[in-house]
Amino acid sequence: MATQDSKTTKDHKTIQKWAEERDGKPAVVKGTGDTGKGGGLLRIDFPGGAEESLEEISWDKFFTIFDENDLEFLYQEKTKDGSESRFNKFVNKD
């Protein structure tokens, strides 16, 4: 599994720095933000990603949704072979 030495954080600066170091942008899955609750499914959109269903949003909006849903950011700095990893996931705190 890709979670070799994975970490979790709620720190906005850590999340933004990790994403930007990998040219990632804050995004939501299209069609998930109009339900009136939750604000949408969060993702980090990377260049060349296959996710056409993502809509880029501001970091402010991203972190508002993140905090309102009491999420944690699960991420990995390096892959098993030492390369920079893009593995990340948003998980419920409990």
C-alpha atoms as a PDB file:
ATOM      1  CA  MET A   1       0.000   0.000   0.000  1.00  0.00           C
ATOM      2  CA  ALA A   2       1.106   3.570  -0.707  1.00  0.00           C
ATOM      3  CA  THR A   3       0.974   4.657   2.926  1.00  0.00           C
ATOM      4  CA  GLN A   4       4.632   3.922   3.703  1.00  0.00           C
ATOM      5  CA  ASP A   5       5.510   6.361   6.504  1.00  0.00           C
ATOM      6  CA  SER A   6       2.265   8.262   6.106  1.00  0.00           C
ATOM      7  CA  LYS A   7       1.381  11.148   8.408  1.00  0.00           C
ATOM      8  CA  THR A   8      -1.796  12.992   9.303  1.00  0.00           C
ATOM      9  CA  THR A   9      -2.264  16.679   9.980  1.00  0.00           C
ATOM     10  CA  LYS A  10      -4.933  19.333  10.383  1.00  0.00           C
ATOM     11  CA  ASP A  11      -2.402  22.155   9.944  1.00  0.00           C
ATOM     12  CA  HIS A  12      -3.379  24.371   7.003  1.00  0.00           C
ATOM     13  CA  LYS A  13       0.176  25.581   6.307  1.00  0.00           C
ATOM     14  CA  THR A  14       1.542  22.022   6.233  1.00  0.00           C
ATOM     15  CA  ILE A  15      -1.166  20.891   3.812  1.00  0.00           C
ATOM     16  CA  GLN A  16      -0.773  23.882   1.493  1.00  0.00           C
ATOM     17  CA  LYS A  17       3.034  23.613   1.489  1.00  0.00           C
ATOM     18  CA  TRP A  18       2.912  19.852   0.739  1.00  0.00           C
ATOM     19  CA  ALA A  19       0.494  20.390  -2.156  1.00  0.00           C
ATOM     20  CA  GLU A  20       2.309  23.378  -3.660  1.00  0.00           C
ATOM     21  CA  GLU A  21       5.677  21.601  -3.543  1.00  0.00           C
ATOM     22  CA  ARG A  22       4.052  19.053  -5.898  1.00  0.00           C
ATOM     23  CA  ASP A  23       2.283  21.698  -8.048  1.00  0.00           C
ATOM     24  CA  GLY A  24      -1.048  20.647  -6.538  1.00  0.00           C
ATOM     25  CA  LYS A  25      -4.070  22.950  -6.431  1.00  0.00           C
ATOM     26  CA  PRO A  26      -7.062  22.848  -4.068  1.00  0.00           C
ATOM     27  CA  ALA A  27     -10.173  21.378  -5.693  1.00  0.00           C
ATOM     28  CA  VAL A  28     -13.564  19.798  -5.122  1.00  0.00           C
ATOM     29  CA  VAL A  29     -15.226  17.016  -7.090  1.00  0.00           C
ATOM     30  CA  LYS A  30     -17.712  18.736  -9.451  1.00  0.00           C
ATOM     31  CA  GLY A  31     -21.320  18.318  -8.424  1.00  0.00           C
ATOM     32  CA  THR A  32     -20.563  17.561  -4.772  1.00  0.00           C
ATOM     33  CA  GLY A  33     -20.600  21.138  -3.474  1.00  0.00           C
ATOM     34  CA  ASP A  34     -24.195  22.002  -4.239  1.00  0.00           C
ATOM     35  CA  THR A  35     -25.797  19.635  -1.758  1.00  0.00           C
ATOM     36  CA  GLY A  36     -26.095  22.331   0.908  1.00  0.00           C
ATOM     37  CA  LYS A  37     -24.047  20.380   3.443  1.00  0.00           C
ATOM     38  CA  GLY A  38     -20.369  19.553   3.547  1.00  0.00           C
ATOM     39  CA  GLY A  39     -19.153  21.888   0.815  1.00  0.00           C
ATOM     40  CA  GLY A  40     -17.991  19.131  -1.530  1.00  0.00           C
ATOM     41  CA  LEU A  41     -15.478  16.298  -1.686  1.00  0.00           C
ATOM     42  CA  LEU A  42     -11.986  17.748  -1.351  1.00  0.00           C
ATOM     43  CA  ARG A  43      -9.088  16.765  -3.572  1.00  0.00           C
ATOM     44  CA  ILE A  44      -5.619  18.024  -4.464  1.00  0.00           C
ATOM     45  CA  ASP A  45      -5.465  18.442  -8.250  1.00  0.00           C
ATOM     46  CA  PHE A  46      -2.053  17.730  -9.789  1.00  0.00           C
ATOM     47  CA  PRO A  47      -0.914  18.674 -13.322  1.00  0.00           C
ATOM     48  CA  GLY A  48      -1.550  15.863 -15.763  1.00  0.00           C
ATOM     49  CA  GLY A  49      -4.027  14.194 -13.443  1.00  0.00           C
ATOM     50  CA  ALA A  50      -6.806  12.155 -14.988  1.00  0.00           C
ATOM     51  CA  GLU A  51      -9.464  13.817 -12.849  1.00  0.00           C
ATOM     52  CA  GLU A  52     -11.541  15.859 -15.297  1.00  0.00           C
ATOM     53  CA  SER A  53     -14.315  16.018 -12.707  1.00  0.00           C
ATOM     54  CA  LEU A  54     -12.396  18.413 -10.433  1.00  0.00           C
ATOM     55  CA  GLU A  55     -13.128  22.095  -9.986  1.00  0.00           C
ATOM     56  CA  GLU A  56     -10.323  24.308  -8.681  1.00  0.00           C
ATOM     57  CA  ILE A  57     -11.211  26.398  -5.610  1.00  0.00           C
ATOM     58  CA  SER A  58      -9.348  28.892  -3.423  1.00  0.00           C
ATOM     59  CA  TRP A  59      -7.283  27.740  -0.467  1.00  0.00           C
ATOM     60  CA  ASP A  60      -9.634  29.758   1.789  1.00  0.00           C
ATOM     61  CA  LYS A  61     -12.697  27.873   0.533  1.00  0.00           C
ATOM     62  CA  PHE A  62     -10.774  24.590   0.673  1.00  0.00           C
ATOM     63  CA  PHE A  63      -9.846  25.059   4.334  1.00  0.00           C
ATOM     64  CA  THR A  64     -13.356  26.230   5.254  1.00  0.00           C
ATOM     65  CA  ILE A  65     -14.732  22.924   3.914  1.00  0.00           C
ATOM     66  CA  PHE A  66     -11.852  21.018   5.546  1.00  0.00           C
ATOM     67  CA  ASP A  67     -12.551  22.535   8.978  1.00  0.00           C
ATOM     68  CA  GLU A  68     -16.359  22.359   8.737  1.00  0.00           C
ATOM     69  CA  ASN A  69     -16.115  18.625   8.062  1.00  0.00           C
ATOM     70  CA  ASP A  70     -13.511  18.088  10.812  1.00  0.00           C
ATOM     71  CA  LEU A  71     -11.170  16.284   8.406  1.00  0.00           C
ATOM     72  CA  GLU A  72      -7.550  15.248   8.669  1.00  0.00           C
ATOM     73  CA  PHE A  73      -5.089  15.156   5.779  1.00  0.00           C
ATOM     74  CA  LEU A  74      -3.340  11.789   5.394  1.00  0.00           C
ATOM     75  CA  TYR A  75      -0.224  12.150   3.260  1.00  0.00           C
ATOM     76  CA  GLN A  76       3.160  10.722   2.401  1.00  0.00           C
ATOM     77  CA  GLU A  77       6.404  12.640   1.807  1.00  0.00           C
ATOM     78  CA  LYS A  78       8.347   9.930  -0.071  1.00  0.00           C
ATOM     79  CA  THR A  79       7.531   6.668  -1.827  1.00  0.00           C
ATOM     80  CA  LYS A  80       9.182   3.406  -0.821  1.00  0.00           C
ATOM     81  CA  ASP A  81      11.969   4.021  -3.371  1.00  0.00           C
ATOM     82  CA  GLY A  82      12.625   7.538  -2.032  1.00  0.00           C
ATOM     83  CA  SER A  83      10.841   9.507  -4.760  1.00  0.00           C
ATOM     84  CA  GLU A  84       8.564  12.420  -3.928  1.00  0.00           C
ATOM     85  CA  SER A  85       5.080  11.066  -3.222  1.00  0.00           C
ATOM     86  CA  ARG A  86       1.721  12.541  -4.208  1.00  0.00           C
ATOM     87  CA  PHE A  87      -0.228  10.072  -2.075  1.00  0.00           C
ATOM     88  CA  ASN A  88      -2.874  11.878  -0.043  1.00  0.00           C
ATOM     89  CA  LYS A  89      -6.335  11.317   1.315  1.00  0.00           C
ATOM     90  CA  PHE A  90      -8.881  13.216   3.387  1.00  0.00           C
ATOM     91  CA  VAL A  91     -10.093  11.220   6.346  1.00  0.00           C
ATOM     92  CA  ASN A  92     -12.608  11.723   9.127  1.00  0.00           C
ATOM     93  CA  LYS A  93     -10.959  12.483  12.435  1.00  0.00           C
ATOM     94  CA  ASP A  94     -12.651   9.595  14.267  1.00  0.00           C
END
